[in-house]
Amino acid sequence: MHHSKTHAPARRRALVVAAAVLSTVGVLGACADPVSTGTTQVDPKALGDSKVLPVSFDTSAGAKRPEGTLHPQIAATLPADVRARGTLVIGSGGAGGGIPPLAFTADDNKTPIGVEVDVAHLVADILGLKPDVQTTSWENLFIGIDSGKYQVAISNVGVSEERKEKYDFATYRLGLHAFEARKGSTPVRGPADVSGQKVAVGSGTLQEAILLRWNEENEKAGRPPAELVYYQGTTEYYLALDSGRIDLYLGPNPTATYHVVTAGKTQIVGTVSSSFPIPGKVGVLTKKGNGLATPISDAINAAIADGSYGKVLARWGLTAEAVPASEVNPAGLPKPTETSDQ
C-alpha cells in the first residue's frame, strides 16, 4: 500500500501488476485457526488462487458502478456543516493516469475510475452527499487534508500508528502484498516456501523487510535463505519472472491482481500482510477529530451488510481484501522504533 517504504510513506509505482487470495493472522492477514510455521503464524486457507478473478476489467468511462442506498439515520450523524454543504470532497491519488485497479483514468483519458473511486461514490450515496473526487499526487493528499481542501482521502492509505496521531481512519480493505509467480508454481505459506528461491522485491520497502525477517527465520531453522533480487522498474521484474530468472515477485496485491488478469501469464501464489506482523488495513483518512470517521465507518458497514461493498471489490478483483467490518482507528503499522524488537 502507500506505506510501502519501511520508514516513510512512498508513492506506488504505476504498475499494471497484482493478485487475489485471503489474508491470515500474523503473516497473511486475518483468518482464524492459524498454524505455526517457525515463529510465523500462517493460515493455509489464505493461500493459492482461492478467489476467482474477473475475466477482464471494464475500464470504459460509462461503466456502471455499484450504487449505495441512502441511510438517513447514518447521514444524520454527519457534522452539521457537512450536511449543509451536501458535498463530500475526496482526495484520490489517481493523478498522472493513476494506478490500476486502485484509482486511474478510464479509456476516455479523463474519467476517474477504480476501486477507490467506487468506494468514494458508495460512501457518499449512503450519506446522502454528492461525491467530488479530485485526483492529485500522493504527497498532496496529506497536504490537502491538512489545509481543508479535501474532507477525506480515499487512496489506499494504510493505517499506521504514526498517521493516527494526526488523522482518523475508517477502514474498508485489508492491506496485502502478493507473491506473483509463473502459472503452475507452488503456494507460498511462509518462510520455508521461499527458502532457496530467487525472490524479486523493491529495495527499502515493507515487502523487503518481511523477506529479510523470513530469511532470519529460515537461517535459524537451518534452511537456505531466499535470494533477494532487485531491478529498476516493473518491466524488468516481469521480464525476469517470464524468463525464469526469478521464481517470485513480492509486490502490492491490487496491482498484482490487475497484472494477473490483464497479462494472463502469472498467478498469485500467496499473500502477506502489508503491516506484518499485524494485519494491515486500508482506511478512509480524514483530519483527526472532525467527526467524519464514525459516520463513514457506519456507511461502509451498511454497504457490507447490503452487499454493495462486496460488488465493488469483486468488480476490481479485490475480494481477497474484503474486511468483515469497518473499524475506526484500529491498531496499525507500528512505528519504526516499535519494530526493532519484533
C-alpha atoms as a PDB file:
ATOM      1  CA  MET A   1       0.000   0.000   0.000  1.00  0.00           C
ATOM      2  CA  HIS A   2       1.085   3.531   0.043  1.00  0.00           C
ATOM      3  CA  HIS A   3       3.153   2.950   3.135  1.00  0.00           C
ATOM      4  CA  SER A   4       5.420   0.556   1.252  1.00  0.00           C
ATOM      5  CA  LYS A   5       8.616   2.193   2.484  1.00  0.00           C
ATOM      6  CA  THR A   6       9.917   0.912   5.800  1.00  0.00           C
ATOM      7  CA  HIS A   7      10.385   4.309   7.434  1.00  0.00           C
ATOM      8  CA  ALA A   8       8.415   6.761   5.282  1.00  0.00           C
ATOM      9  CA  PRO A   9       5.310   6.782   3.050  1.00  0.00           C
ATOM     10  CA  ALA A  10       6.013   6.242  -0.621  1.00  0.00           C
ATOM     11  CA  ARG A  11       4.104   6.620  -3.860  1.00  0.00           C
ATOM     12  CA  ARG A  12       3.326   3.382  -5.555  1.00  0.00           C
ATOM     13  CA  ARG A  13       4.790   2.935  -8.960  1.00  0.00           C
ATOM     14  CA  ALA A  14       2.213   2.954 -11.744  1.00  0.00           C
ATOM     15  CA  LEU A  15       2.357  -0.774 -12.258  1.00  0.00           C
ATOM     16  CA  VAL A  16      -0.009  -2.951 -14.154  1.00  0.00           C
ATOM     17  CA  VAL A  17       0.585  -5.795 -11.670  1.00  0.00           C
ATOM     18  CA  ALA A  18      -1.094  -7.929  -8.862  1.00  0.00           C
ATOM     19  CA  ALA A  19      -3.410 -10.833  -7.364  1.00  0.00           C
ATOM     20  CA  ALA A  20      -6.077 -12.307  -5.097  1.00  0.00           C
ATOM     21  CA  VAL A  21      -6.187 -14.544  -2.035  1.00  0.00           C
ATOM     22  CA  LEU A  22      -7.445 -14.377   1.556  1.00  0.00           C
ATOM     23  CA  SER A  23      -5.382 -12.949   4.410  1.00  0.00           C
ATOM     24  CA  THR A  24      -4.023 -14.533   7.564  1.00  0.00           C
ATOM     25  CA  VAL A  25      -3.307 -13.947  11.200  1.00  0.00           C
ATOM     26  CA  GLY A  26       0.172 -12.549  11.701  1.00  0.00           C
ATOM     27  CA  VAL A  27       1.639 -13.066   8.257  1.00  0.00           C
ATOM     28  CA  LEU A  28      -1.142 -13.325   5.748  1.00  0.00           C
ATOM     29  CA  GLY A  29      -3.973 -11.240   7.130  1.00  0.00           C
ATOM     30  CA  ALA A  30      -6.930 -12.074   9.363  1.00  0.00           C
ATOM     31  CA  CYS A  31      -8.344 -15.607   9.260  1.00  0.00           C
ATOM     32  CA  ALA A  32      -8.962 -17.946  12.181  1.00  0.00           C
ATOM     33  CA  ASP A  33      -7.117 -21.052  13.362  1.00  0.00           C
ATOM     34  CA  PRO A  34      -3.606 -20.325  12.126  1.00  0.00           C
ATOM     35  CA  VAL A  35      -0.942 -22.992  12.232  1.00  0.00           C
ATOM     36  CA  SER A  36       2.578 -22.318  13.438  1.00  0.00           C
ATOM     37  CA  THR A  37       5.494 -22.317  10.999  1.00  0.00           C
ATOM     38  CA  GLY A  38       8.593 -21.498  12.981  1.00  0.00           C
ATOM     39  CA  THR A  39       7.843 -18.187  14.677  1.00  0.00           C
ATOM     40  CA  THR A  40       5.403 -17.092  11.986  1.00  0.00           C
ATOM     41  CA  GLN A  41       1.633 -17.616  12.160  1.00  0.00           C
ATOM     42  CA  VAL A  42       0.289 -18.727   8.792  1.00  0.00           C
ATOM     43  CA  ASP A  43      -3.204 -19.724   7.745  1.00  0.00           C
ATOM     44  CA  PRO A  44      -3.111 -22.177   4.813  1.00  0.00           C
ATOM     45  CA  LYS A  45      -6.644 -21.128   3.797  1.00  0.00           C
ATOM     46  CA  ALA A  46      -5.138 -17.785   2.801  1.00  0.00           C
ATOM     47  CA  LEU A  47      -3.049 -19.277   0.054  1.00  0.00           C
ATOM     48  CA  GLY A  48      -3.359 -20.115  -3.612  1.00  0.00           C
ATOM     49  CA  ASP A  49      -5.902 -18.709  -6.046  1.00  0.00           C
ATOM     50  CA  SER A  50      -8.939 -19.454  -3.894  1.00  0.00           C
ATOM     51  CA  LYS A  51     -10.683 -16.306  -5.077  1.00  0.00           C
ATOM     52  CA  VAL A  52     -11.986 -16.130  -8.629  1.00  0.00           C
ATOM     53  CA  LEU A  53     -10.645 -13.124 -10.509  1.00  0.00           C
ATOM     54  CA  PRO A  54     -12.555 -11.290 -13.243  1.00  0.00           C
ATOM     55  CA  VAL A  55     -12.009 -12.415 -16.822  1.00  0.00           C
ATOM     56  CA  SER A  56     -11.348  -8.789 -17.712  1.00  0.00           C
ATOM     57  CA  PHE A  57     -11.798  -5.273 -16.335  1.00  0.00           C
ATOM     58  CA  ASP A  58     -14.270  -2.770 -17.764  1.00  0.00           C
ATOM     59  CA  THR A  59     -12.238   0.443 -17.985  1.00  0.00           C
ATOM     60  CA  SER A  60     -14.755   2.389 -20.059  1.00  0.00           C
ATOM     61  CA  ALA A  61     -15.887   5.783 -18.787  1.00  0.00           C
ATOM     62  CA  GLY A  62     -19.541   4.737 -18.913  1.00  0.00           C
ATOM     63  CA  ALA A  63     -19.199   1.506 -16.930  1.00  0.00           C
ATOM     64  CA  LYS A  64     -21.852   1.354 -14.212  1.00  0.00           C
ATOM     65  CA  ARG A  65     -20.501   1.247 -10.665  1.00  0.00           C
ATOM     66  CA  PRO A  66     -22.407  -0.358  -7.764  1.00  0.00           C
ATOM     67  CA  GLU A  67     -24.643   2.195  -6.067  1.00  0.00           C
ATOM     68  CA  GLY A  68     -25.267   2.738  -2.369  1.00  0.00           C
ATOM     69  CA  THR A  69     -28.620   3.208  -0.633  1.00  0.00           C
ATOM     70  CA  LEU A  70     -29.226   6.348   1.425  1.00  0.00           C
ATOM     71  CA  HIS A  71     -29.318   5.688   5.188  1.00  0.00           C
ATOM     72  CA  PRO A  72     -30.925   8.781   6.744  1.00  0.00           C
ATOM     73  CA  GLN A  73     -30.032   7.727  10.298  1.00  0.00           C
ATOM     74  CA  ILE A  74     -26.338   7.493   9.439  1.00  0.00           C
ATOM     75  CA  ALA A  75     -26.464  10.695   7.399  1.00  0.00           C
ATOM     76  CA  ALA A  76     -27.956  12.486  10.420  1.00  0.00           C
ATOM     77  CA  THR A  77     -24.760  11.804  12.396  1.00  0.00           C
ATOM     78  CA  LEU A  78     -22.616  13.833   9.997  1.00  0.00           C
ATOM     79  CA  PRO A  79     -21.278  17.169  11.212  1.00  0.00           C
ATOM     80  CA  ALA A  80     -23.848  19.898  10.562  1.00  0.00           C
ATOM     81  CA  ASP A  81     -21.605  21.847   8.189  1.00  0.00           C
ATOM     82  CA  VAL A  82     -21.053  18.765   6.023  1.00  0.00           C
ATOM     83  CA  ARG A  83     -24.786  18.052   5.848  1.00  0.00           C
ATOM     84  CA  ALA A  84     -25.474  21.670   4.950  1.00  0.00           C
ATOM     85  CA  ARG A  85     -22.868  21.687   2.189  1.00  0.00           C
ATOM     86  CA  GLY A  86     -24.190  18.423   0.755  1.00  0.00           C
ATOM     87  CA  THR A  87     -20.878  17.505  -0.881  1.00  0.00           C
ATOM     88  CA  LEU A  88     -18.050  15.195   0.158  1.00  0.00           C
ATOM     89  CA  VAL A  89     -14.731  16.411  -1.255  1.00  0.00           C
ATOM     90  CA  ILE A  90     -12.488  13.399  -1.730  1.00  0.00           C
ATOM     91  CA  GLY A  91      -8.789  13.386  -2.481  1.00  0.00           C
ATOM     92  CA  SER A  92      -7.741  10.492  -4.708  1.00  0.00           C
ATOM     93  CA  GLY A  93      -4.270   9.515  -5.876  1.00  0.00           C
ATOM     94  CA  GLY A  94      -5.278   8.989  -9.476  1.00  0.00           C
ATOM     95  CA  ALA A  95      -3.183  11.814 -10.903  1.00  0.00           C
ATOM     96  CA  GLY A  96      -0.954  11.179 -13.896  1.00  0.00           C
ATOM     97  CA  GLY A  97      -3.017   8.250 -15.122  1.00  0.00           C
ATOM     98  CA  GLY A  98      -3.160   6.588 -11.722  1.00  0.00           C
ATOM     99  CA  ILE A  99      -2.522   3.013 -10.650  1.00  0.00           C
ATOM    100  CA  PRO A 100      -4.963   0.306 -11.805  1.00  0.00           C
ATOM    101  CA  PRO A 101      -7.133  -1.013 -10.246  1.00  0.00           C
ATOM    102  CA  LEU A 102      -6.936   1.468  -7.361  1.00  0.00           C
ATOM    103  CA  ALA A 103      -7.585   4.867  -8.938  1.00  0.00           C
ATOM    104  CA  PHE A 104      -6.800   5.559 -12.573  1.00  0.00           C
ATOM    105  CA  THR A 105      -8.154   7.143 -15.744  1.00  0.00           C
ATOM    106  CA  ALA A 106     -10.794   5.485 -17.894  1.00  0.00           C
ATOM    107  CA  ASP A 107     -10.424   4.885 -21.627  1.00  0.00           C
ATOM    108  CA  ASP A 108     -11.542   8.454 -22.296  1.00  0.00           C
ATOM    109  CA  ASN A 109      -8.354   9.675 -20.552  1.00  0.00           C
ATOM    110  CA  LYS A 110     -10.285  11.903 -18.141  1.00  0.00           C
ATOM    111  CA  THR A 111     -12.855   9.988 -16.057  1.00  0.00           C
ATOM    112  CA  PRO A 112     -11.580   8.732 -12.659  1.00  0.00           C
ATOM    113  CA  ILE A 113     -12.315   5.028 -12.116  1.00  0.00           C
ATOM    114  CA  GLY A 114     -11.081   2.214  -9.871  1.00  0.00           C
ATOM    115  CA  VAL A 115     -11.912   0.592  -6.560  1.00  0.00           C
ATOM    116  CA  GLU A 116     -11.074   3.738  -4.579  1.00  0.00           C
ATOM    117  CA  VAL A 117     -13.372   5.858  -6.745  1.00  0.00           C
ATOM    118  CA  ASP A 118     -16.162   3.294  -6.371  1.00  0.00           C
ATOM    119  CA  VAL A 119     -15.754   3.300  -2.579  1.00  0.00           C
ATOM    120  CA  ALA A 120     -15.911   7.106  -2.592  1.00  0.00           C
ATOM    121  CA  HIS A 121     -19.200   7.084  -4.515  1.00  0.00           C
ATOM    122  CA  LEU A 122     -20.619   4.277  -2.376  1.00  0.00           C
ATOM    123  CA  VAL A 123     -19.940   6.115   0.881  1.00  0.00           C
ATOM    124  CA  ALA A 124     -21.332   9.373  -0.498  1.00  0.00           C
ATOM    125  CA  ASP A 125     -24.508   7.623  -1.694  1.00  0.00           C
ATOM    126  CA  ILE A 126     -25.177   6.161   1.744  1.00  0.00           C
ATOM    127  CA  LEU A 127     -24.543   9.506   3.469  1.00  0.00           C
ATOM    128  CA  GLY A 128     -26.700  11.429   1.013  1.00  0.00           C
ATOM    129  CA  LEU A 129     -23.799  13.534  -0.239  1.00  0.00           C
ATOM    130  CA  LYS A 130     -22.581  14.389  -3.711  1.00  0.00           C
ATOM    131  CA  PRO A 131     -19.068  12.976  -4.229  1.00  0.00           C
ATOM    132  CA  ASP A 132     -16.470  15.420  -5.557  1.00  0.00           C
ATOM    133  CA  VAL A 133     -13.490  13.195  -6.416  1.00  0.00           C
ATOM    134  CA  GLN A 134     -10.327  15.226  -7.045  1.00  0.00           C
ATOM    135  CA  THR A 135      -7.221  13.453  -8.288  1.00  0.00           C
ATOM    136  CA  THR A 136      -3.846  14.534  -7.004  1.00  0.00           C
ATOM    137  CA  SER A 137      -0.390  13.235  -6.176  1.00  0.00           C
ATOM    138  CA  TRP A 138       0.252  11.038  -3.127  1.00  0.00           C
ATOM    139  CA  GLU A 139       2.140  13.795  -1.299  1.00  0.00           C
ATOM    140  CA  ASN A 140      -0.606  16.332  -1.916  1.00  0.00           C
ATOM    141  CA  LEU A 141      -3.276  14.082  -0.391  1.00  0.00           C
ATOM    142  CA  PHE A 142      -1.992  14.823   3.094  1.00  0.00           C
ATOM    143  CA  ILE A 143      -1.378  18.493   2.338  1.00  0.00           C
ATOM    144  CA  GLY A 144      -4.956  18.714   1.055  1.00  0.00           C
ATOM    145  CA  ILE A 145      -6.384  17.098   4.182  1.00  0.00           C
ATOM    146  CA  ASP A 146      -4.287  19.342   6.437  1.00  0.00           C
ATOM    147  CA  SER A 147      -5.392  22.511   4.601  1.00  0.00           C
ATOM    148  CA  GLY A 148      -9.054  21.518   4.404  1.00  0.00           C
ATOM    149  CA  LYS A 149      -9.046  21.281   0.618  1.00  0.00           C
ATOM    150  CA  TYR A 150     -10.184  17.643   0.922  1.00  0.00           C
ATOM    151  CA  GLN A 151     -12.540  16.388   3.612  1.00  0.00           C
ATOM    152  CA  VAL A 152     -11.323  12.829   3.197  1.00  0.00           C
ATOM    153  CA  ALA A 153      -8.674  10.912   1.292  1.00  0.00           C
ATOM    154  CA  ILE A 154      -9.579   7.558  -0.271  1.00  0.00           C
ATOM    155  CA  SER A 155      -6.364   6.455  -1.849  1.00  0.00           C
ATOM    156  CA  ASN A 156      -5.045   3.146  -0.491  1.00  0.00           C
ATOM    157  CA  VAL A 157      -3.779   4.819   2.672  1.00  0.00           C
ATOM    158  CA  GLY A 158      -2.590   2.246   5.186  1.00  0.00           C
ATOM    159  CA  VAL A 159      -3.417   2.644   8.861  1.00  0.00           C
ATOM    160  CA  SER A 160      -0.260   3.321  10.872  1.00  0.00           C
ATOM    161  CA  GLU A 161       0.324   4.342  14.474  1.00  0.00           C
ATOM    162  CA  GLU A 162       2.246   7.388  13.297  1.00  0.00           C
ATOM    163  CA  ARG A 163      -0.554   8.574  10.991  1.00  0.00           C
ATOM    164  CA  LYS A 164      -3.185   8.020  13.708  1.00  0.00           C
ATOM    165  CA  GLU A 165      -1.553  10.767  15.759  1.00  0.00           C
ATOM    166  CA  LYS A 166      -2.712  13.310  13.181  1.00  0.00           C
ATOM    167  CA  TYR A 167      -5.568  11.632  11.271  1.00  0.00           C
ATOM    168  CA  ASP A 168      -8.621   9.430  11.808  1.00  0.00           C
ATOM    169  CA  PHE A 169      -9.289   6.286   9.774  1.00  0.00           C
ATOM    170  CA  ALA A 170     -12.401   4.325   8.801  1.00  0.00           C
ATOM    171  CA  THR A 171     -11.158   1.011   7.406  1.00  0.00           C
ATOM    172  CA  TYR A 172     -12.525  -0.574   4.248  1.00  0.00           C
ATOM    173  CA  ARG A 173      -9.907  -3.032   2.928  1.00  0.00           C
ATOM    174  CA  LEU A 174      -7.158  -5.319   4.103  1.00  0.00           C
ATOM    175  CA  GLY A 175      -3.678  -4.293   3.080  1.00  0.00           C
ATOM    176  CA  LEU A 176      -1.954  -7.186   1.340  1.00  0.00           C
ATOM    177  CA  HIS A 177       1.234  -7.833  -0.592  1.00  0.00           C
ATOM    178  CA  ALA A 178       1.189 -10.690  -3.099  1.00  0.00           C
ATOM    179  CA  PHE A 179       3.666 -13.291  -4.261  1.00  0.00           C
ATOM    180  CA  GLU A 180       3.327 -13.469  -8.026  1.00  0.00           C
ATOM    181  CA  ALA A 181       4.780 -16.422  -9.926  1.00  0.00           C
ATOM    182  CA  ARG A 182       4.532 -18.242 -13.234  1.00  0.00           C
ATOM    183  CA  LYS A 183       1.441 -20.392 -13.640  1.00  0.00           C
ATOM    184  CA  GLY A 184       1.753 -23.787 -12.009  1.00  0.00           C
ATOM    185  CA  SER A 185       4.075 -22.615  -9.221  1.00  0.00           C
ATOM    186  CA  THR A 186       3.682 -23.912  -5.677  1.00  0.00           C
ATOM    187  CA  PRO A 187       1.947 -21.891  -2.931  1.00  0.00           C
ATOM    188  CA  VAL A 188       3.830 -19.645  -0.522  1.00  0.00           C
ATOM    189  CA  ARG A 189       2.687 -20.299   3.038  1.00  0.00           C
ATOM    190  CA  GLY A 190       5.582 -18.812   4.948  1.00  0.00           C
ATOM    191  CA  PRO A 191       9.375 -18.655   5.291  1.00  0.00           C
ATOM    192  CA  ALA A 192      10.032 -22.284   4.339  1.00  0.00           C
ATOM    193  CA  ASP A 193       8.330 -21.803   0.980  1.00  0.00           C
ATOM    194  CA  VAL A 194      10.732 -19.069  -0.138  1.00  0.00           C
ATOM    195  CA  SER A 195      13.829 -20.905   1.114  1.00  0.00           C
ATOM    196  CA  GLY A 196      16.422 -21.141  -1.664  1.00  0.00           C
ATOM    197  CA  GLN A 197      14.179 -19.293  -4.142  1.00  0.00           C
ATOM    198  CA  LYS A 198      15.032 -16.164  -6.095  1.00  0.00           C
ATOM    199  CA  VAL A 199      12.532 -13.526  -4.991  1.00  0.00           C
ATOM    200  CA  ALA A 200      12.364 -10.073  -6.601  1.00  0.00           C
ATOM    201  CA  VAL A 201      11.368  -7.183  -4.347  1.00  0.00           C
ATOM    202  CA  GLY A 202      11.662  -3.403  -4.216  1.00  0.00           C
ATOM    203  CA  SER A 203      14.581  -2.046  -2.220  1.00  0.00           C
ATOM    204  CA  GLY A 204      13.680  -0.286   1.020  1.00  0.00           C
ATOM    205  CA  THR A 205      10.054  -1.468   1.003  1.00  0.00           C
ATOM    206  CA  LEU A 206       7.962  -3.173   3.654  1.00  0.00           C
ATOM    207  CA  GLN A 207       7.958  -6.196   1.357  1.00  0.00           C
ATOM    208  CA  GLU A 208      11.739  -6.364   1.556  1.00  0.00           C
ATOM    209  CA  ALA A 209      11.626  -6.062   5.346  1.00  0.00           C
ATOM    210  CA  ILE A 210       9.256  -9.032   5.509  1.00  0.00           C
ATOM    211  CA  LEU A 211      11.528 -11.178   3.349  1.00  0.00           C
ATOM    212  CA  LEU A 212      14.570 -10.246   5.427  1.00  0.00           C
ATOM    213  CA  ARG A 213      12.662 -11.327   8.524  1.00  0.00           C
ATOM    214  CA  TRP A 214      11.679 -14.580   6.853  1.00  0.00           C
ATOM    215  CA  ASN A 215      15.296 -15.178   5.868  1.00  0.00           C
ATOM    216  CA  GLU A 216      16.306 -14.838   9.507  1.00  0.00           C
ATOM    217  CA  GLU A 217      13.739 -17.491  10.388  1.00  0.00           C
ATOM    218  CA  ASN A 218      14.976 -19.777   7.615  1.00  0.00           C
ATOM    219  CA  GLU A 219      18.563 -19.470   8.787  1.00  0.00           C
ATOM    220  CA  LYS A 220      17.584 -20.175  12.408  1.00  0.00           C
ATOM    221  CA  ALA A 221      15.785 -23.316  11.193  1.00  0.00           C
ATOM    222  CA  GLY A 222      18.827 -24.434   9.178  1.00  0.00           C
ATOM    223  CA  ARG A 223      17.194 -23.695   5.808  1.00  0.00           C
ATOM    224  CA  PRO A 224      18.832 -21.725   2.984  1.00  0.00           C
ATOM    225  CA  PRO A 225      17.609 -18.127   2.819  1.00  0.00           C
ATOM    226  CA  ALA A 226      15.781 -16.741  -0.191  1.00  0.00           C
ATOM    227  CA  GLU A 227      17.968 -14.878  -2.662  1.00  0.00           C
ATOM    228  CA  LEU A 228      16.570 -11.347  -2.929  1.00  0.00           C
ATOM    229  CA  VAL A 229      16.808  -9.795  -6.394  1.00  0.00           C
ATOM    230  CA  TYR A 230      16.389  -6.109  -7.261  1.00  0.00           C
ATOM    231  CA  TYR A 231      15.504  -4.371 -10.519  1.00  0.00           C
ATOM    232  CA  GLN A 232      14.966  -0.755 -11.547  1.00  0.00           C
ATOM    233  CA  GLY A 233      11.361  -0.977 -12.694  1.00  0.00           C
ATOM    234  CA  THR A 234       8.270  -3.110 -13.104  1.00  0.00           C
ATOM    235  CA  THR A 235       9.048  -4.096 -16.693  1.00  0.00           C
ATOM    236  CA  GLU A 236      12.340  -5.617 -15.583  1.00  0.00           C
ATOM    237  CA  TYR A 237      10.651  -7.545 -12.765  1.00  0.00           C
ATOM    238  CA  TYR A 238       8.176  -9.131 -15.142  1.00  0.00           C
ATOM    239  CA  LEU A 239      10.716  -9.913 -17.829  1.00  0.00           C
ATOM    240  CA  ALA A 240      12.787 -11.709 -15.207  1.00  0.00           C
ATOM    241  CA  LEU A 241       9.725 -13.616 -13.991  1.00  0.00           C
ATOM    242  CA  ASP A 242       8.676 -14.592 -17.521  1.00  0.00           C
ATOM    243  CA  SER A 243      12.175 -15.804 -18.419  1.00  0.00           C
ATOM    244  CA  GLY A 244      12.609 -17.832 -15.239  1.00  0.00           C
ATOM    245  CA  ARG A 245      15.475 -15.719 -13.878  1.00  0.00           C
ATOM    246  CA  ILE A 246      13.450 -15.258 -10.693  1.00  0.00           C
ATOM    247  CA  ASP A 247      10.921 -17.547  -9.016  1.00  0.00           C
ATOM    248  CA  LEU A 248       8.708 -14.987  -7.277  1.00  0.00           C
ATOM    249  CA  TYR A 249       7.931 -11.275  -7.204  1.00  0.00           C
ATOM    250  CA  LEU A 250       6.564  -9.773  -3.990  1.00  0.00           C
ATOM    251  CA  GLY A 251       4.636  -6.544  -4.586  1.00  0.00           C
ATOM    252  CA  PRO A 252       1.319  -4.802  -3.760  1.00  0.00           C
ATOM    253  CA  ASN A 253      -1.668  -7.140  -4.089  1.00  0.00           C
ATOM    254  CA  PRO A 254      -4.026  -4.811  -6.014  1.00  0.00           C
ATOM    255  CA  THR A 255      -1.538  -4.106  -8.783  1.00  0.00           C
ATOM    256  CA  ALA A 256      -0.573  -7.781  -8.892  1.00  0.00           C
ATOM    257  CA  THR A 257      -4.223  -8.699  -9.340  1.00  0.00           C
ATOM    258  CA  TYR A 258      -4.550  -6.330 -12.254  1.00  0.00           C
ATOM    259  CA  HIS A 259      -1.418  -7.728 -13.892  1.00  0.00           C
ATOM    260  CA  VAL A 260      -2.565 -11.330 -13.471  1.00  0.00           C
ATOM    261  CA  VAL A 261      -5.853 -10.557 -15.230  1.00  0.00           C
ATOM    262  CA  THR A 262      -4.532  -8.311 -17.978  1.00  0.00           C
ATOM    263  CA  ALA A 263      -1.301 -10.149 -18.843  1.00  0.00           C
ATOM    264  CA  GLY A 264      -2.571 -13.701 -18.310  1.00  0.00           C
ATOM    265  CA  LYS A 265       0.887 -15.227 -17.723  1.00  0.00           C
ATOM    266  CA  THR A 266       1.171 -15.366 -13.947  1.00  0.00           C
ATOM    267  CA  GLN A 267      -0.777 -16.230 -10.814  1.00  0.00           C
ATOM    268  CA  ILE A 268      -0.870 -15.239  -7.171  1.00  0.00           C
ATOM    269  CA  VAL A 269       0.561 -17.998  -5.000  1.00  0.00           C
ATOM    270  CA  GLY A 270       0.338 -16.320  -1.581  1.00  0.00           C
ATOM    271  CA  THR A 271      -0.214 -13.067   0.255  1.00  0.00           C
ATOM    272  CA  VAL A 272       1.311 -11.366   3.276  1.00  0.00           C
ATOM    273  CA  SER A 273       0.016  -8.528   5.432  1.00  0.00           C
ATOM    274  CA  SER A 274       1.325  -5.134   4.391  1.00  0.00           C
ATOM    275  CA  SER A 275       1.723  -4.263   8.094  1.00  0.00           C
ATOM    276  CA  PHE A 276       3.421  -7.533   9.030  1.00  0.00           C
ATOM    277  CA  PRO A 277       3.481  -8.810  11.741  1.00  0.00           C
ATOM    278  CA  ILE A 278      -0.041  -7.421  12.329  1.00  0.00           C
ATOM    279  CA  PRO A 279      -2.933  -7.422   9.825  1.00  0.00           C
ATOM    280  CA  GLY A 280      -2.589  -4.407   7.543  1.00  0.00           C
ATOM    281  CA  LYS A 281      -5.693  -2.291   6.947  1.00  0.00           C
ATOM    282  CA  VAL A 282      -6.521   0.455   4.472  1.00  0.00           C
ATOM    283  CA  GLY A 283      -8.759   3.285   5.586  1.00  0.00           C
ATOM    284  CA  VAL A 284     -10.601   6.413   4.550  1.00  0.00           C
ATOM    285  CA  LEU A 285      -8.400   9.145   6.027  1.00  0.00           C
ATOM    286  CA  THR A 286      -9.695  12.389   7.467  1.00  0.00           C
ATOM    287  CA  LYS A 287      -8.454  15.136   9.786  1.00  0.00           C
ATOM    288  CA  LYS A 288      -8.387  13.972  13.383  1.00  0.00           C
ATOM    289  CA  GLY A 289     -11.440  14.854  15.436  1.00  0.00           C
ATOM    290  CA  ASN A 290     -13.524  16.379  12.625  1.00  0.00           C
ATOM    291  CA  GLY A 291     -16.439  13.989  13.201  1.00  0.00           C
ATOM    292  CA  LEU A 292     -16.348  12.230   9.824  1.00  0.00           C
ATOM    293  CA  ALA A 293     -14.667   8.914  10.651  1.00  0.00           C
ATOM    294  CA  THR A 294     -17.562   7.316  12.540  1.00  0.00           C
ATOM    295  CA  PRO A 295     -20.333   8.184  10.016  1.00  0.00           C
ATOM    296  CA  ILE A 296     -18.089   6.963   7.185  1.00  0.00           C
ATOM    297  CA  SER A 297     -17.338   3.731   9.046  1.00  0.00           C
ATOM    298  CA  ASP A 298     -21.069   3.248   9.664  1.00  0.00           C
ATOM    299  CA  ALA A 299     -21.724   3.839   5.959  1.00  0.00           C
ATOM    300  CA  ILE A 300     -19.136   1.226   4.985  1.00  0.00           C
ATOM    301  CA  ASN A 301     -20.712  -1.249   7.405  1.00  0.00           C
ATOM    302  CA  ALA A 302     -24.112  -0.584   5.840  1.00  0.00           C
ATOM    303  CA  ALA A 303     -22.603  -1.300   2.421  1.00  0.00           C
ATOM    304  CA  ILE A 304     -21.060  -4.514   3.755  1.00  0.00           C
ATOM    305  CA  ALA A 305     -24.461  -5.574   5.114  1.00  0.00           C
ATOM    306  CA  ASP A 306     -26.407  -4.903   1.905  1.00  0.00           C
ATOM    307  CA  GLY A 307     -23.812  -6.439  -0.444  1.00  0.00           C
ATOM    308  CA  SER A 308     -22.889  -3.313  -2.395  1.00  0.00           C
ATOM    309  CA  TYR A 309     -19.425  -3.288  -0.801  1.00  0.00           C
ATOM    310  CA  GLY A 310     -18.785  -6.826  -1.967  1.00  0.00           C
ATOM    311  CA  LYS A 311     -19.832  -5.902  -5.501  1.00  0.00           C
ATOM    312  CA  VAL A 312     -17.305  -3.043  -5.574  1.00  0.00           C
ATOM    313  CA  LEU A 313     -14.404  -5.278  -4.544  1.00  0.00           C
ATOM    314  CA  ALA A 314     -15.463  -8.081  -6.893  1.00  0.00           C
ATOM    315  CA  ARG A 315     -15.614  -5.630  -9.801  1.00  0.00           C
ATOM    316  CA  TRP A 316     -11.892  -4.950  -9.371  1.00  0.00           C
ATOM    317  CA  GLY A 317     -10.771  -8.451  -8.363  1.00  0.00           C
ATOM    318  CA  LEU A 318     -10.087  -7.489  -4.758  1.00  0.00           C
ATOM    319  CA  THR A 319     -12.479  -9.761  -2.865  1.00  0.00           C
ATOM    320  CA  ALA A 320      -9.411 -11.115  -1.057  1.00  0.00           C
ATOM    321  CA  GLU A 321      -9.043  -7.726   0.627  1.00  0.00           C
ATOM    322  CA  ALA A 322     -12.599  -7.572   1.996  1.00  0.00           C
ATOM    323  CA  VAL A 323     -12.992  -6.732   5.677  1.00  0.00           C
ATOM    324  CA  PRO A 324     -15.846  -8.237   7.742  1.00  0.00           C
ATOM    325  CA  ALA A 325     -16.484  -4.838   9.333  1.00  0.00           C
ATOM    326  CA  SER A 326     -15.204  -1.282   9.142  1.00  0.00           C
ATOM    327  CA  GLU A 327     -13.314  -0.032  12.200  1.00  0.00           C
ATOM    328  CA  VAL A 328     -12.389   3.430  13.390  1.00  0.00           C
ATOM    329  CA  ASN A 329      -8.678   3.796  14.169  1.00  0.00           C
ATOM    330  CA  PRO A 330      -7.733   0.130  14.715  1.00  0.00           C
ATOM    331  CA  ALA A 331      -4.159  -0.931  15.502  1.00  0.00           C
ATOM    332  CA  GLY A 332      -1.920   0.000  12.582  1.00  0.00           C
ATOM    333  CA  LEU A 333       1.603  -0.412  11.315  1.00  0.00           C
ATOM    334  CA  PRO A 334       3.898   0.066  14.327  1.00  0.00           C
ATOM    335  CA  LYS A 335       6.295   2.971  14.384  1.00  0.00           C
ATOM    336  CA  PRO A 336       9.809   2.023  13.216  1.00  0.00           C
ATOM    337  CA  THR A 337      11.127   2.278  16.792  1.00  0.00           C
ATOM    338  CA  GLU A 338       8.448  -0.212  17.863  1.00  0.00           C
ATOM    339  CA  THR A 339       9.552  -2.870  15.370  1.00  0.00           C
ATOM    340  CA  SER A 340      13.163  -3.227  16.476  1.00  0.00           C
ATOM    341  CA  ASP A 341      12.449  -5.979  18.981  1.00  0.00           C
ATOM    342  CA  GLN A 342       9.888  -7.858  16.876  1.00  0.00           C
END
